Amino acid sequence: MPDARLDALLLLAALLAALAGMGWFALAKDVHWQQVHGDRPQTPGKIRLLRGLGTLGLAASLGLCLAVDHASMASLVWMMALAAAALTIAFTLSWRPRWLRWLPA
């Protein structure tokens, strides 16, 4: 039974990493940055940082999925995590964009 709990925690971490990654990618766009941070300036360096963090978040999510299952199942779970994260970020941006301020940038 402890293995099942560890797998569940790893999958939860994979979902959270995908969510953070998608959030960082969204914040790299000027429109979404303004929705979340208002008039706070976004520099080209910050855009590169956000894109890098987004890439790391999605890569970490894939790595965590691969740690739980074999490659064919892990890739399916990862794609579902990406879809869920993208929808969550999109709905958050349309409903309460300021909630994304929790993402360090």
PDB file of N, CA and C in Angstrom:
ATOM      1  N   MET A   1       0.805  -1.215   0.000  1.00  0.00           N
ATOM      2  CA  MET A   1       0.000   0.000   0.000  1.00  0.00           C
ATOM      3  C   MET A   1       0.846   1.276   0.000  1.00  0.00           C
ATOM      4  N   PRO A   2       1.986   1.324   0.662  1.00  0.00           N
ATOM      5  CA  PRO A   2       2.789   2.560   0.633  1.00  0.00           C
ATOM      6  C   PRO A   2       3.200   2.965  -0.774  1.00  0.00           C
ATOM      7  N   ASP A   3       3.401   1.984  -1.677  1.00  0.00           N
ATOM      8  CA  ASP A   3       3.764   2.331  -3.049  1.00  0.00           C
ATOM      9  C   ASP A   3       2.651   3.094  -3.743  1.00  0.00           C
ATOM     10  N   ALA A   4       1.413   2.735  -3.459  1.00  0.00           N
ATOM     11  CA  ALA A   4       0.269   3.424  -4.069  1.00  0.00           C
ATOM     12  C   ALA A   4       0.207   4.875  -3.589  1.00  0.00           C
ATOM     13  N   ARG A   5       0.501   5.090  -2.326  1.00  0.00           N
ATOM     14  CA  ARG A   5       0.489   6.460  -1.801  1.00  0.00           C
ATOM     15  C   ARG A   5       1.607   7.296  -2.415  1.00  0.00           C
ATOM     16  N   LEU A   6       2.770   6.681  -2.573  1.00  0.00           N
ATOM     17  CA  LEU A   6       3.893   7.382  -3.195  1.00  0.00           C
ATOM     18  C   LEU A   6       3.566   7.725  -4.645  1.00  0.00           C
ATOM     19  N   ASP A   7       2.969   6.772  -5.367  1.00  0.00           N
ATOM     20  CA  ASP A   7       2.574   7.030  -6.753  1.00  0.00           C
ATOM     21  C   ASP A   7       1.565   8.169  -6.826  1.00  0.00           C
ATOM     22  N   ALA A   8       0.611   8.174  -5.908  1.00  0.00           N
ATOM     23  CA  ALA A   8      -0.394   9.243  -5.893  1.00  0.00           C
ATOM     24  C   ALA A   8       0.249  10.598  -5.630  1.00  0.00           C
ATOM     25  N   LEU A   9       1.197  10.633  -4.700  1.00  0.00           N
ATOM     26  CA  LEU A   9       1.896  11.893  -4.409  1.00  0.00           C
ATOM     27  C   LEU A   9       2.729  12.357  -5.605  1.00  0.00           C
ATOM     28  N   LEU A  10       3.374  11.409  -6.286  1.00  0.00           N
ATOM     29  CA  LEU A  10       4.159  11.774  -7.467  1.00  0.00           C
ATOM     30  C   LEU A  10       3.256  12.302  -8.582  1.00  0.00           C
ATOM     31  N   LEU A  11       2.089  11.697  -8.757  1.00  0.00           N
ATOM     32  CA  LEU A  11       1.163  12.185  -9.780  1.00  0.00           C
ATOM     33  C   LEU A  11       0.594  13.555  -9.405  1.00  0.00           C
ATOM     34  N   LEU A  12       0.330  13.766  -8.132  1.00  0.00           N
ATOM     35  CA  LEU A  12      -0.115  15.091  -7.691  1.00  0.00           C
ATOM     36  C   LEU A  12       0.969  16.129  -7.954  1.00  0.00           C
ATOM     37  N   ALA A  13       2.211  15.772  -7.656  1.00  0.00           N
ATOM     38  CA  ALA A  13       3.327  16.679  -7.933  1.00  0.00           C
ATOM     39  C   ALA A  13       3.451  16.946  -9.427  1.00  0.00           C
ATOM     40  N   ALA A  14       3.205  15.926 -10.249  1.00  0.00           N
ATOM     41  CA  ALA A  14       3.248  16.103 -11.704  1.00  0.00           C
ATOM     42  C   ALA A  14       2.164  17.072 -12.164  1.00  0.00           C
ATOM     43  N   LEU A  15       0.974  16.961 -11.593  1.00  0.00           N
ATOM     44  CA  LEU A  15      -0.110  17.887 -11.947  1.00  0.00           C
ATOM     45  C   LEU A  15       0.218  19.313 -11.520  1.00  0.00           C
ATOM     46  N   LEU A  16       0.770  19.458 -10.338  1.00  0.00           N
ATOM     47  CA  LEU A  16       1.140  20.803  -9.861  1.00  0.00           C
ATOM     48  C   LEU A  16       2.271  21.401 -10.690  1.00  0.00           C
ATOM     49  N   ALA A  17       3.225  20.571 -11.094  1.00  0.00           N
ATOM     50  CA  ALA A  17       4.319  21.061 -11.941  1.00  0.00           C
ATOM     51  C   ALA A  17       3.787  21.487 -13.309  1.00  0.00           C
ATOM     52  N   ALA A  18       2.851  20.714 -13.859  1.00  0.00           N
ATOM     53  CA  ALA A  18       2.244  21.086 -15.143  1.00  0.00           C
ATOM     54  C   ALA A  18       1.457  22.390 -15.006  1.00  0.00           C
ATOM     55  N   LEU A  19       0.737  22.531 -13.906  1.00  0.00           N
ATOM     56  CA  LEU A  19      -0.029  23.755 -13.662  1.00  0.00           C
ATOM     57  C   LEU A  19       0.895  24.967 -13.564  1.00  0.00           C
ATOM     58  N   ALA A  20       1.973  24.836 -12.816  1.00  0.00           N
ATOM     59  CA  ALA A  20       2.930  25.940 -12.696  1.00  0.00           C
ATOM     60  C   ALA A  20       3.582  26.232 -14.044  1.00  0.00           C
ATOM     61  N   GLY A  21       3.950  25.198 -14.772  1.00  0.00           N
ATOM     62  CA  GLY A  21       4.573  25.393 -16.083  1.00  0.00           C
ATOM     63  C   GLY A  21       3.666  26.137 -17.047  1.00  0.00           C
ATOM     64  N   MET A  22       2.410  25.733 -17.098  1.00  0.00           N
ATOM     65  CA  MET A  22       1.459  26.425 -17.988  1.00  0.00           C
ATOM     66  C   MET A  22       1.230  27.857 -17.522  1.00  0.00           C
ATOM     67  N   GLY A  23       1.190  28.052 -16.217  1.00  0.00           N
ATOM     68  CA  GLY A  23       1.034  29.409 -15.694  1.00  0.00           C
ATOM     69  C   GLY A  23       2.205  30.298 -16.075  1.00  0.00           C
ATOM     70  N   TRP A  24       3.422  29.768 -15.958  1.00  0.00           N
ATOM     71  CA  TRP A  24       4.599  30.551 -16.342  1.00  0.00           C
ATOM     72  C   TRP A  24       4.604  30.859 -17.829  1.00  0.00           C
ATOM     73  N   PHE A  25       4.214  29.893 -18.660  1.00  0.00           N
ATOM     74  CA  PHE A  25       4.135  30.166 -20.092  1.00  0.00           C
ATOM     75  C   PHE A  25       3.096  31.248 -20.384  1.00  0.00           C
ATOM     76  N   ALA A  26       1.968  31.208 -19.693  1.00  0.00           N
ATOM     77  CA  ALA A  26       0.939  32.226 -19.905  1.00  0.00           C
ATOM     78  C   ALA A  26       1.450  33.601 -19.486  1.00  0.00           C
ATOM     79  N   LEU A  27       2.139  33.667 -18.352  1.00  0.00           N
ATOM     80  CA  LEU A  27       2.637  34.960 -17.864  1.00  0.00           C
ATOM     81  C   LEU A  27       3.745  35.525 -18.750  1.00  0.00           C
ATOM     82  N   ALA A  28       4.342  34.710 -19.596  1.00  0.00           N
ATOM     83  CA  ALA A  28       5.359  35.204 -20.524  1.00  0.00           C
ATOM     84  C   ALA A  28       4.727  36.043 -21.635  1.00  0.00           C
ATOM     85  N   LYS A  29       3.417  35.962 -21.791  1.00  0.00           N
ATOM     86  CA  LYS A  29       2.702  36.769 -22.778  1.00  0.00           C
ATOM     87  C   LYS A  29       2.299  38.106 -22.148  1.00  0.00           C
ATOM     88  N   ASP A  30       2.496  39.184 -22.897  1.00  0.00           N
ATOM     89  CA  ASP A  30       2.223  40.530 -22.373  1.00  0.00           C
ATOM     90  C   ASP A  30       0.791  40.694 -21.877  1.00  0.00           C
ATOM     91  N   VAL A  31      -0.162  40.191 -22.638  1.00  0.00           N
ATOM     92  CA  VAL A  31      -1.575  40.362 -22.277  1.00  0.00           C
ATOM     93  C   VAL A  31      -1.868  39.705 -20.937  1.00  0.00           C
ATOM     94  N   HIS A  32      -1.399  38.500 -20.742  1.00  0.00           N
ATOM     95  CA  HIS A  32      -1.668  37.790 -19.495  1.00  0.00           C
ATOM     96  C   HIS A  32      -0.877  38.394 -18.336  1.00  0.00           C
ATOM     97  N   TRP A  33       0.331  38.855 -18.619  1.00  0.00           N
ATOM     98  CA  TRP A  33       1.117  39.531 -17.586  1.00  0.00           C
ATOM     99  C   TRP A  33       0.359  40.754 -17.066  1.00  0.00           C
ATOM    100  N   GLN A  34      -0.212  41.544 -17.984  1.00  0.00           N
ATOM    101  CA  GLN A  34      -0.960  42.737 -17.573  1.00  0.00           C
ATOM    102  C   GLN A  34      -2.228  42.363 -16.808  1.00  0.00           C
ATOM    103  N   GLN A  35      -2.884  41.268 -17.206  1.00  0.00           N
ATOM    104  CA  GLN A  35      -4.070  40.822 -16.475  1.00  0.00           C
ATOM    105  C   GLN A  35      -3.728  40.511 -15.025  1.00  0.00           C
ATOM    106  N   VAL A  36      -2.583  39.907 -14.814  1.00  0.00           N
ATOM    107  CA  VAL A  36      -2.209  39.439 -13.483  1.00  0.00           C
ATOM    108  C   VAL A  36      -1.517  40.526 -12.669  1.00  0.00           C
ATOM    109  N   HIS A  37      -0.592  41.261 -13.294  1.00  0.00           N
ATOM    110  CA  HIS A  37       0.257  42.197 -12.557  1.00  0.00           C
ATOM    111  C   HIS A  37      -0.031  43.662 -12.847  1.00  0.00           C
ATOM    112  N   GLY A  38      -0.985  43.947 -13.675  1.00  0.00           N
ATOM    113  CA  GLY A  38      -1.323  45.333 -13.955  1.00  0.00           C
ATOM    114  C   GLY A  38      -0.213  46.066 -14.692  1.00  0.00           C
ATOM    115  N   ASP A  39       0.173  47.246 -14.178  1.00  0.00           N
ATOM    116  CA  ASP A  39       1.171  48.082 -14.842  1.00  0.00           C
ATOM    117  C   ASP A  39       2.612  47.733 -14.478  1.00  0.00           C
ATOM    118  N   ARG A  40       2.810  46.714 -13.660  1.00  0.00           N
ATOM    119  CA  ARG A  40       4.183  46.304 -13.314  1.00  0.00           C
ATOM    120  C   ARG A  40       4.912  45.885 -14.590  1.00  0.00           C
ATOM    121  N   PRO A  41       6.068  46.470 -14.860  1.00  0.00           N
ATOM    122  CA  PRO A  41       6.734  46.214 -16.143  1.00  0.00           C
ATOM    123  C   PRO A  41       7.239  44.780 -16.276  1.00  0.00           C
ATOM    124  N   GLN A  42       7.235  44.325 -17.518  1.00  0.00           N
ATOM    125  CA  GLN A  42       7.769  43.002 -17.842  1.00  0.00           C
ATOM    126  C   GLN A  42       8.948  43.201 -18.795  1.00  0.00           C
ATOM    127  N   THR A  43      10.124  42.817 -18.368  1.00  0.00           N
ATOM    128  CA  THR A  43      11.332  43.010 -19.168  1.00  0.00           C
ATOM    129  C   THR A  43      11.585  41.788 -20.045  1.00  0.00           C
ATOM    130  N   PRO A  44      12.389  41.954 -21.101  1.00  0.00           N
ATOM    131  CA  PRO A  44      12.744  40.789 -21.922  1.00  0.00           C
ATOM    132  C   PRO A  44      13.424  39.680 -21.114  1.00  0.00           C
ATOM    133  N   GLY A  45      14.203  40.059 -20.123  1.00  0.00           N
ATOM    134  CA  GLY A  45      14.830  39.059 -19.265  1.00  0.00           C
ATOM    135  C   GLY A  45      13.808  38.266 -18.470  1.00  0.00           C
ATOM    136  N   LYS A  46      12.770  38.941 -18.006  1.00  0.00           N
ATOM    137  CA  LYS A  46      11.707  38.266 -17.258  1.00  0.00           C
ATOM    138  C   LYS A  46      10.933  37.324 -18.166  1.00  0.00           C
ATOM    139  N   ILE A  47      10.725  37.726 -19.417  1.00  0.00           N
ATOM    140  CA  ILE A  47      10.040  36.850 -20.375  1.00  0.00           C
ATOM    141  C   ILE A  47      10.852  35.573 -20.586  1.00  0.00           C
ATOM    142  N   ARG A  48      12.166  35.713 -20.757  1.00  0.00           N
ATOM    143  CA  ARG A  48      13.020  34.526 -20.923  1.00  0.00           C
ATOM    144  C   ARG A  48      12.979  33.645 -19.671  1.00  0.00           C
ATOM    145  N   LEU A  49      13.005  34.283 -18.500  1.00  0.00           N
ATOM    146  CA  LEU A  49      12.935  33.534 -17.256  1.00  0.00           C
ATOM    147  C   LEU A  49      11.624  32.756 -17.157  1.00  0.00           C
ATOM    148  N   LEU A  50      10.508  33.405 -17.478  1.00  0.00           N
ATOM    149  CA  LEU A  50       9.208  32.739 -17.405  1.00  0.00           C
ATOM    150  C   LEU A  50       9.120  31.572 -18.386  1.00  0.00           C
ATOM    151  N   ARG A  51       9.662  31.761 -19.584  1.00  0.00           N
ATOM    152  CA  ARG A  51       9.656  30.662 -20.556  1.00  0.00           C
ATOM    153  C   ARG A  51      10.532  29.511 -20.076  1.00  0.00           C
ATOM    154  N   GLY A  52      11.670  29.843 -19.500  1.00  0.00           N
ATOM    155  CA  GLY A  52      12.544  28.803 -18.962  1.00  0.00           C
ATOM    156  C   GLY A  52      11.885  28.042 -17.820  1.00  0.00           C
ATOM    157  N   LEU A  53      11.238  28.783 -16.915  1.00  0.00           N
ATOM    158  CA  LEU A  53      10.533  28.142 -15.812  1.00  0.00           C
ATOM    159  C   LEU A  53       9.382  27.276 -16.323  1.00  0.00           C
ATOM    160  N   GLY A  54       8.677  27.761 -17.346  1.00  0.00           N
ATOM    161  CA  GLY A  54       7.599  26.970 -17.935  1.00  0.00           C
ATOM    162  C   GLY A  54       8.112  25.667 -18.516  1.00  0.00           C
ATOM    163  N   THR A  55       9.239  25.748 -19.204  1.00  0.00           N
ATOM    164  CA  THR A  55       9.851  24.541 -19.769  1.00  0.00           C
ATOM    165  C   THR A  55      10.254  23.578 -18.663  1.00  0.00           C
ATOM    166  N   LEU A  56      10.878  24.098 -17.608  1.00  0.00           N
ATOM    167  CA  LEU A  56      11.281  23.244 -16.486  1.00  0.00           C
ATOM    168  C   LEU A  56      10.073  22.623 -15.786  1.00  0.00           C
ATOM    169  N   GLY A  57       9.012  23.390 -15.643  1.00  0.00           N
ATOM    170  CA  GLY A  57       7.805  22.862 -15.006  1.00  0.00           C
ATOM    171  C   GLY A  57       7.205  21.711 -15.789  1.00  0.00           C
ATOM    172  N   LEU A  58       7.120  21.870 -17.101  1.00  0.00           N
ATOM    173  CA  LEU A  58       6.547  20.797 -17.919  1.00  0.00           C
ATOM    174  C   LEU A  58       7.484  19.601 -17.988  1.00  0.00           C
ATOM    175  N   ALA A  59       8.791  19.839 -18.038  1.00  0.00           N
ATOM    176  CA  ALA A  59       9.750  18.735 -18.042  1.00  0.00           C
ATOM    177  C   ALA A  59       9.707  17.976 -16.716  1.00  0.00           C
ATOM    178  N   ALA A  60       9.585  18.701 -15.613  1.00  0.00           N
ATOM    179  CA  ALA A  60       9.471  18.053 -14.306  1.00  0.00           C
ATOM    180  C   ALA A  60       8.200  17.218 -14.235  1.00  0.00           C
ATOM    181  N   SER A  61       7.136  17.730 -14.794  1.00  0.00           N
ATOM    182  CA  SER A  61       5.882  16.989 -14.821  1.00  0.00           C
ATOM    183  C   SER A  61       6.042  15.678 -15.587  1.00  0.00           C
ATOM    184  N   LEU A  62       6.692  15.731 -16.735  1.00  0.00           N
ATOM    185  CA  LEU A  62       6.946  14.515 -17.504  1.00  0.00           C
ATOM    186  C   LEU A  62       7.820  13.548 -16.719  1.00  0.00           C
ATOM    187  N   GLY A  63       8.865  14.046 -16.107  1.00  0.00           N
ATOM    188  CA  GLY A  63       9.753  13.194 -15.317  1.00  0.00           C
ATOM    189  C   GLY A  63       9.018  12.503 -14.176  1.00  0.00           C
ATOM    190  N   LEU A  64       8.141  13.232 -13.514  1.00  0.00           N
ATOM    191  CA  LEU A  64       7.375  12.640 -12.420  1.00  0.00           C
ATOM    192  C   LEU A  64       6.409  11.576 -12.935  1.00  0.00           C
ATOM    193  N   CYS A  65       5.785  11.827 -14.071  1.00  0.00           N
ATOM    194  CA  CYS A  65       4.898  10.816 -14.666  1.00  0.00           C
ATOM    195  C   CYS A  65       5.688   9.564 -15.040  1.00  0.00           C
ATOM    196  N   LEU A  66       6.883   9.751 -15.586  1.00  0.00           N
ATOM    197  CA  LEU A  66       7.720   8.613 -15.957  1.00  0.00           C
ATOM    198  C   LEU A  66       8.195   7.835 -14.734  1.00  0.00           C
ATOM    199  N   ALA A  67       8.303   8.494 -13.596  1.00  0.00           N
ATOM    200  CA  ALA A  67       8.713   7.809 -12.375  1.00  0.00           C
ATOM    201  C   ALA A  67       7.615   6.889 -11.842  1.00  0.00           C
ATOM    202  N   VAL A  68       6.372   7.160 -12.235  1.00  0.00           N
ATOM    203  CA  VAL A  68       5.247   6.374 -11.726  1.00  0.00           C
ATOM    204  C   VAL A  68       4.920   5.192 -12.635  1.00  0.00           C
ATOM    205  N   ASP A  69       4.933   5.405 -13.949  1.00  0.00           N
ATOM    206  CA  ASP A  69       4.476   4.386 -14.897  1.00  0.00           C
ATOM    207  C   ASP A  69       5.493   4.174 -15.996  1.00  0.00           C
ATOM    208  N   HIS A  70       5.227   3.141 -16.814  1.00  0.00           N
ATOM    209  CA  HIS A  70       6.052   2.911 -18.001  1.00  0.00           C
ATOM    210  C   HIS A  70       5.770   4.006 -19.020  1.00  0.00           C
ATOM    211  N   ALA A  71       6.629   4.127 -20.014  1.00  0.00           N
ATOM    212  CA  ALA A  71       6.621   5.289 -20.913  1.00  0.00           C
ATOM    213  C   ALA A  71       5.295   5.499 -21.635  1.00  0.00           C
ATOM    214  N   SER A  72       4.661   4.429 -22.108  1.00  0.00           N
ATOM    215  CA  SER A  72       3.427   4.621 -22.870  1.00  0.00           C
ATOM    216  C   SER A  72       2.300   5.148 -21.985  1.00  0.00           C
ATOM    217  N   MET A  73       2.173   4.620 -20.767  1.00  0.00           N
ATOM    218  CA  MET A  73       1.140   5.111 -19.851  1.00  0.00           C
ATOM    219  C   MET A  73       1.512   6.487 -19.313  1.00  0.00           C
ATOM    220  N   ALA A  74       2.797   6.706 -19.015  1.00  0.00           N
ATOM    221  CA  ALA A  74       3.238   7.996 -18.481  1.00  0.00           C
ATOM    222  C   ALA A  74       2.987   9.115 -19.480  1.00  0.00           C
ATOM    223  N   SER A  75       3.215   8.846 -20.765  1.00  0.00           N
ATOM    224  CA  SER A  75       2.979   9.892 -21.763  1.00  0.00           C
ATOM    225  C   SER A  75       1.497  10.229 -21.862  1.00  0.00           C
ATOM    226  N   LEU A  76       0.635   9.238 -21.728  1.00  0.00           N
ATOM    227  CA  LEU A  76      -0.807   9.492 -21.750  1.00  0.00           C
ATOM    228  C   LEU A  76      -1.228  10.321 -20.532  1.00  0.00           C
ATOM    229  N   VAL A  77      -0.743   9.931 -19.373  1.00  0.00           N
ATOM    230  CA  VAL A  77      -1.069  10.673 -18.146  1.00  0.00           C
ATOM    231  C   VAL A  77      -0.527  12.095 -18.231  1.00  0.00           C
ATOM    232  N   TRP A  78       0.667  12.248 -18.792  1.00  0.00           N
ATOM    233  CA  TRP A  78       1.263  13.577 -18.922  1.00  0.00           C
ATOM    234  C   TRP A  78       0.432  14.460 -19.844  1.00  0.00           C
ATOM    235  N   MET A  79      -0.027  13.891 -20.972  1.00  0.00           N
ATOM    236  CA  MET A  79      -0.864  14.676 -21.894  1.00  0.00           C
ATOM    237  C   MET A  79      -2.164  15.112 -21.216  1.00  0.00           C
ATOM    238  N   MET A  80      -2.741  14.232 -20.413  1.00  0.00           N
ATOM    239  CA  MET A  80      -3.958  14.609 -19.688  1.00  0.00           C
ATOM    240  C   MET A  80      -3.658  15.690 -18.651  1.00  0.00           C
ATOM    241  N   ALA A  81      -2.502  15.585 -18.006  1.00  0.00           N
ATOM    242  CA  ALA A  81      -2.108  16.616 -17.040  1.00  0.00           C
ATOM    243  C   ALA A  81      -1.908  17.959 -17.732  1.00  0.00           C
ATOM    244  N   LEU A  82      -1.289  17.934 -18.917  1.00  0.00           N
ATOM    245  CA  LEU A  82      -1.097  19.179 -19.665  1.00  0.00           C
ATOM    246  C   LEU A  82      -2.433  19.805 -20.047  1.00  0.00           C
ATOM    247  N   ALA A  83      -3.364  18.966 -20.510  1.00  0.00           N
ATOM    248  CA  ALA A  83      -4.684  19.481 -20.892  1.00  0.00           C
ATOM    249  C   ALA A  83      -5.411  20.071 -19.688  1.00  0.00           C
ATOM    250  N   ALA A  84      -5.379  19.365 -18.568  1.00  0.00           N
ATOM    251  CA  ALA A  84      -6.036  19.872 -17.357  1.00  0.00           C
ATOM    252  C   ALA A  84      -5.387  21.169 -16.882  1.00  0.00           C
ATOM    253  N   ALA A  85      -4.069  21.240 -16.937  1.00  0.00           N
ATOM    254  CA  ALA A  85      -3.363  22.450 -16.504  1.00  0.00           C
ATOM    255  C   ALA A  85      -3.675  23.620 -17.426  1.00  0.00           C
ATOM    256  N   ALA A  86      -3.689  23.371 -18.725  1.00  0.00           N
ATOM    257  CA  ALA A  86      -3.991  24.443 -19.675  1.00  0.00           C
ATOM    258  C   ALA A  86      -5.404  24.980 -19.469  1.00  0.00           C
ATOM    259  N   LEU A  87      -6.359  24.094 -19.280  1.00  0.00           N
ATOM    260  CA  LEU A  87      -7.732  24.543 -19.035  1.00  0.00           C
ATOM    261  C   LEU A  87      -7.840  25.314 -17.723  1.00  0.00           C
ATOM    262  N   THR A  88      -7.182  24.832 -16.701  1.00  0.00           N
ATOM    263  CA  THR A  88      -7.226  25.514 -15.408  1.00  0.00           C
ATOM    264  C   THR A  88      -6.645  26.921 -15.500  1.00  0.00           C
ATOM    265  N   ILE A  89      -5.511  27.053 -16.177  1.00  0.00           N
ATOM    266  CA  ILE A  89      -4.896  28.370 -16.333  1.00  0.00           C
ATOM    267  C   ILE A  89      -5.780  29.270 -17.191  1.00  0.00           C
ATOM    268  N   ALA A  90      -6.338  28.733 -18.266  1.00  0.00           N
ATOM    269  CA  ALA A  90      -7.214  29.540 -19.129  1.00  0.00           C
ATOM    270  C   ALA A  90      -8.447  30.029 -18.365  1.00  0.00           C
ATOM    271  N   PHE A  91      -9.071  29.132 -17.604  1.00  0.00           N
ATOM    272  CA  PHE A  91     -10.242  29.545 -16.829  1.00  0.00           C
ATOM    273  C   PHE A  91      -9.868  30.543 -15.737  1.00  0.00           C
ATOM    274  N   THR A  92      -8.721  30.355 -15.128  1.00  0.00           N
ATOM    275  CA  THR A  92      -8.269  31.290 -14.101  1.00  0.00           C
ATOM    276  C   THR A  92      -8.011  32.669 -14.698  1.00  0.00           C
ATOM    277  N   LEU A  93      -7.401  32.706 -15.869  1.00  0.00           N
ATOM    278  CA  LEU A  93      -7.137  33.995 -16.523  1.00  0.00           C
ATOM    279  C   LEU A  93      -8.432  34.701 -16.918  1.00  0.00           C
ATOM    280  N   SER A  94      -9.460  33.947 -17.240  1.00  0.00           N
ATOM    281  CA  SER A  94     -10.713  34.585 -17.648  1.00  0.00           C
ATOM    282  C   SER A  94     -11.602  34.941 -16.457  1.00  0.00           C
ATOM    283  N   TRP A  95     -11.387  34.297 -15.313  1.00  0.00           N
ATOM    284  CA  TRP A  95     -12.264  34.525 -14.172  1.00  0.00           C
ATOM    285  C   TRP A  95     -11.596  35.336 -13.073  1.00  0.00           C
ATOM    286  N   ARG A  96     -10.427  34.893 -12.612  1.00  0.00           N
ATOM    287  CA  ARG A  96      -9.697  35.557 -11.532  1.00  0.00           C
ATOM    288  C   ARG A  96      -8.211  35.585 -11.850  1.00  0.00           C
ATOM    289  N   PRO A  97      -7.790  36.421 -12.794  1.00  0.00           N
ATOM    290  CA  PRO A  97      -6.380  36.403 -13.212  1.00  0.00           C
ATOM    291  C   PRO A  97      -5.398  36.719 -12.092  1.00  0.00           C
ATOM    292  N   ARG A  98      -5.788  37.498 -11.125  1.00  0.00           N
ATOM    293  CA  ARG A  98      -4.864  37.872 -10.049  1.00  0.00           C
ATOM    294  C   ARG A  98      -4.493  36.678  -9.160  1.00  0.00           C
ATOM    295  N   TRP A  99      -5.256  35.597  -9.253  1.00  0.00           N
ATOM    296  CA  TRP A  99      -4.908  34.395  -8.485  1.00  0.00           C
ATOM    297  C   TRP A  99      -3.571  33.806  -8.945  1.00  0.00           C
ATOM    298  N   LEU A 100      -3.131  34.174 -10.142  1.00  0.00           N
ATOM    299  CA  LEU A 100      -1.864  33.641 -10.650  1.00  0.00           C
ATOM    300  C   LEU A 100      -0.650  34.391 -10.096  1.00  0.00           C
ATOM    301  N   ARG A 101      -0.884  35.341  -9.216  1.00  0.00           N
ATOM    302  CA  ARG A 101       0.242  36.048  -8.597  1.00  0.00           C
ATOM    303  C   ARG A 101       1.074  35.142  -7.704  1.00  0.00           C
ATOM    304  N   TRP A 102       0.549  34.001  -7.316  1.00  0.00           N
ATOM    305  CA  TRP A 102       1.290  33.073  -6.469  1.00  0.00           C
ATOM    306  C   TRP A 102       2.475  32.472  -7.188  1.00  0.00           C
ATOM    307  N   LEU A 103       2.484  32.526  -8.518  1.00  0.00           N
ATOM    308  CA  LEU A 103       3.622  31.997  -9.284  1.00  0.00           C
ATOM    309  C   LEU A 103       4.802  32.940  -9.147  1.00  0.00           C
ATOM    310  N   PRO A 104       5.923  32.478  -8.630  1.00  0.00           N
ATOM    311  CA  PRO A 104       7.088  33.357  -8.525  1.00  0.00           C
ATOM    312  C   PRO A 104       7.627  33.730  -9.885  1.00  0.00           C
ATOM    313  N   ALA A 105       7.875  35.007 -10.078  1.00  0.00           N
ATOM    314  CA  ALA A 105       8.391  35.460 -11.369  1.00  0.00           C
ATOM    315  C   ALA A 105       9.449  36.521 -11.157  1.00  0.00           C
TER     316      ALA A 105
END
